[in-house]
Amino acid sequence: MNKLTITATAATALLIAGLSMSLAADSDSKETAAAQQSAKITLVQAITIAEQATGGKSAEAEFELEDGIAIYEVEVAMADGSEIEVEIDAQSGAILSQEAEGDHEHEDKVV
């Protein structure tokens, strides 16, 4: 094979891989959007739940599908400067976990 054929083949392979990833990401975003539309708990409610559970103030919040489960992940800033990540079930409002940011020893600690 000459250099032109190798280069063209490599470019085609990269293009196909890129398109595949793009289509997969689009499919994931549609699935996430559909899950968010059917969530019984709103983002505002999830933030309130997290703030009441920790006594802090919300710094960041987002909706995610984690292992097929719709959750809100809320980062809460505490008065002492630390942060706690709270995961809340988007269907029931139940707190699934609380974890101090940077505390990877106790990751996924259920409260």
Protein backbone atom coordinates (compact mmCIF):
# COMPACT_ATOMS: atom_id res chain seq x y z
CA MET A 1 0.00 0.00 0.00
CA ASN A 2 1.21 3.45 -0.70
CA LYS A 3 1.15 6.40 1.74
CA LEU A 4 -1.92 7.97 0.11
CA THR A 5 -3.98 4.80 0.53
CA ILE A 6 -2.90 4.39 4.15
CA THR A 7 -3.69 8.04 4.91
CA ALA A 8 -7.09 7.84 3.22
CA THR A 9 -7.95 4.62 5.07
CA ALA A 10 -6.92 6.10 8.41
CA ALA A 11 -8.91 9.29 7.75
CA THR A 12 -11.99 7.26 6.82
CA ALA A 13 -11.68 5.14 9.97
CA LEU A 14 -11.41 8.27 12.14
CA LEU A 15 -14.43 9.81 10.43
CA ILE A 16 -16.52 6.69 10.99
CA ALA A 17 -15.45 6.50 14.65
CA GLY A 18 -16.30 10.17 15.14
CA LEU A 19 -19.74 9.77 13.58
CA SER A 20 -20.44 6.71 15.72
CA MET A 21 -19.56 8.59 18.91
CA SER A 22 -21.66 11.56 17.80
CA LEU A 23 -24.69 9.36 17.16
CA ALA A 24 -24.24 7.61 20.52
CA ALA A 25 -24.00 10.96 22.32
CA ASP A 26 -27.13 12.19 20.54
CA SER A 27 -28.98 9.04 21.58
CA ASP A 28 -27.82 9.50 25.20
CA SER A 29 -28.92 13.14 25.25
CA LYS A 30 -32.38 12.20 23.92
CA GLU A 31 -32.68 9.50 26.58
CA THR A 32 -31.59 11.97 29.28
CA ALA A 33 -34.04 14.63 28.05
CA ALA A 34 -36.91 12.13 28.07
CA ALA A 35 -36.02 10.99 31.60
CA GLN A 36 -35.86 14.59 32.82
CA GLN A 37 -39.28 15.35 31.33
CA SER A 38 -40.81 12.39 33.20
CA ALA A 39 -39.09 13.16 36.53
CA LYS A 40 -41.54 13.74 39.39
CA ILE A 41 -39.10 15.93 41.32
CA THR A 42 -37.98 19.26 39.83
CA LEU A 43 -34.46 20.65 40.01
CA VAL A 44 -35.68 23.33 42.44
CA GLN A 45 -37.19 20.66 44.71
CA ALA A 46 -33.96 18.62 44.57
CA ILE A 47 -31.93 21.68 45.58
CA THR A 48 -34.28 22.32 48.51
CA ILE A 49 -33.99 18.69 49.63
CA ALA A 50 -30.18 18.83 49.50
CA GLU A 51 -29.97 22.15 51.35
CA GLN A 52 -32.33 20.97 54.09
CA ALA A 53 -30.43 17.70 54.51
CA THR A 54 -27.02 19.36 54.81
CA GLY A 55 -27.72 22.84 56.17
CA GLY A 56 -25.66 24.38 53.35
CA LYS A 57 -26.37 26.36 50.19
CA SER A 58 -26.49 24.91 46.68
CA ALA A 59 -23.47 25.77 44.54
CA GLU A 60 -24.22 23.60 41.50
CA ALA A 61 -26.91 21.14 40.44
CA GLU A 62 -27.54 18.93 37.43
CA PHE A 63 -29.76 16.13 36.17
CA GLU A 64 -28.11 12.83 35.19
CA LEU A 65 -28.93 9.29 34.22
CA GLU A 66 -26.68 7.11 36.35
CA ASP A 67 -26.89 3.40 35.56
CA GLY A 68 -30.35 4.04 34.09
CA ILE A 69 -31.59 5.82 37.23
CA ALA A 70 -32.69 9.46 36.94
CA ILE A 71 -30.94 11.50 39.62
CA TYR A 72 -30.14 15.06 40.57
CA GLU A 73 -26.59 15.68 41.68
CA VAL A 74 -26.42 18.76 43.93
CA GLU A 75 -23.16 20.27 45.17
CA VAL A 76 -23.75 22.06 48.46
CA ALA A 77 -21.36 24.65 49.92
CA MET A 78 -21.05 24.48 53.68
CA ALA A 79 -20.33 27.39 56.06
CA ASP A 80 -16.86 25.96 56.82
CA GLY A 81 -15.90 26.11 53.12
CA SER A 82 -16.27 22.40 52.44
CA GLU A 83 -18.60 20.95 49.80
CA ILE A 84 -20.96 18.00 49.95
CA GLU A 85 -22.30 16.19 46.89
CA VAL A 86 -25.87 14.96 47.37
CA GLU A 87 -27.52 12.54 44.94
CA ILE A 88 -31.32 12.63 44.90
CA ASP A 89 -33.69 10.22 43.16
CA ALA A 90 -35.60 12.25 40.55
CA GLN A 91 -38.72 10.10 40.93
CA SER A 92 -39.09 9.86 44.71
CA GLY A 93 -36.98 12.71 46.09
CA ALA A 94 -35.10 10.24 48.29
CA ILE A 95 -31.48 11.01 49.09
CA LEU A 96 -29.40 8.24 47.51
CA SER A 97 -26.02 9.37 48.85
CA GLN A 98 -24.08 12.21 50.44
CA GLU A 99 -20.36 12.54 49.98
CA ALA A 100 -17.87 15.18 51.06
CA GLU A 101 -16.08 16.52 47.97
CA GLY A 102 -12.60 15.03 47.79
CA ASP A 103 -13.63 12.17 50.10
CA HIS A 104 -12.98 9.28 47.71
CA GLU A 105 -12.29 6.83 50.55
CA HIS A 106 -15.98 6.79 51.42
CA GLU A 107 -17.30 7.10 47.89
CA ASP A 108 -20.95 6.15 47.41
CA LYS A 109 -21.59 6.21 51.13
CA VAL A 110 -25.34 5.86 51.57
CA VAL A 111 -26.86 8.06 54.24
